[in-house]
Amino acid sequence: MNVLVDHNLRGHSVVLAGSLAASGWLELVYIRFVLFEEIGLEVNSSDRVVWQCAQANGIGKSKQLQPYLQRNGITIRLERTD
């Protein structure tokens, strides 16, 4: 699973990744934290741009993510990907 990390959460993602690795979870489940700059996003990218870039890079297509997106509504309405 690829997880897109906003620049405000970068430090938290490092701590979380370390904790997951130390507890053995990364041996059981593939999780990769992807930073905005890794996929060409600017720090101040709009929700629309983030969504389009994430979809183009295979991030956020999980069925588990859809309920969260539907609750928030904005991005799905913008792109009609539901």
Foldseek 3Di string as FASTA:
>chain_A
DEAEDQPVCVVVVVVVVVVCVVVPVCVVDPYHYDYQVNQPHDNPDDPQVVVVSCVVVVHQPDPVNVVVCVVVVPNCVVPVPD
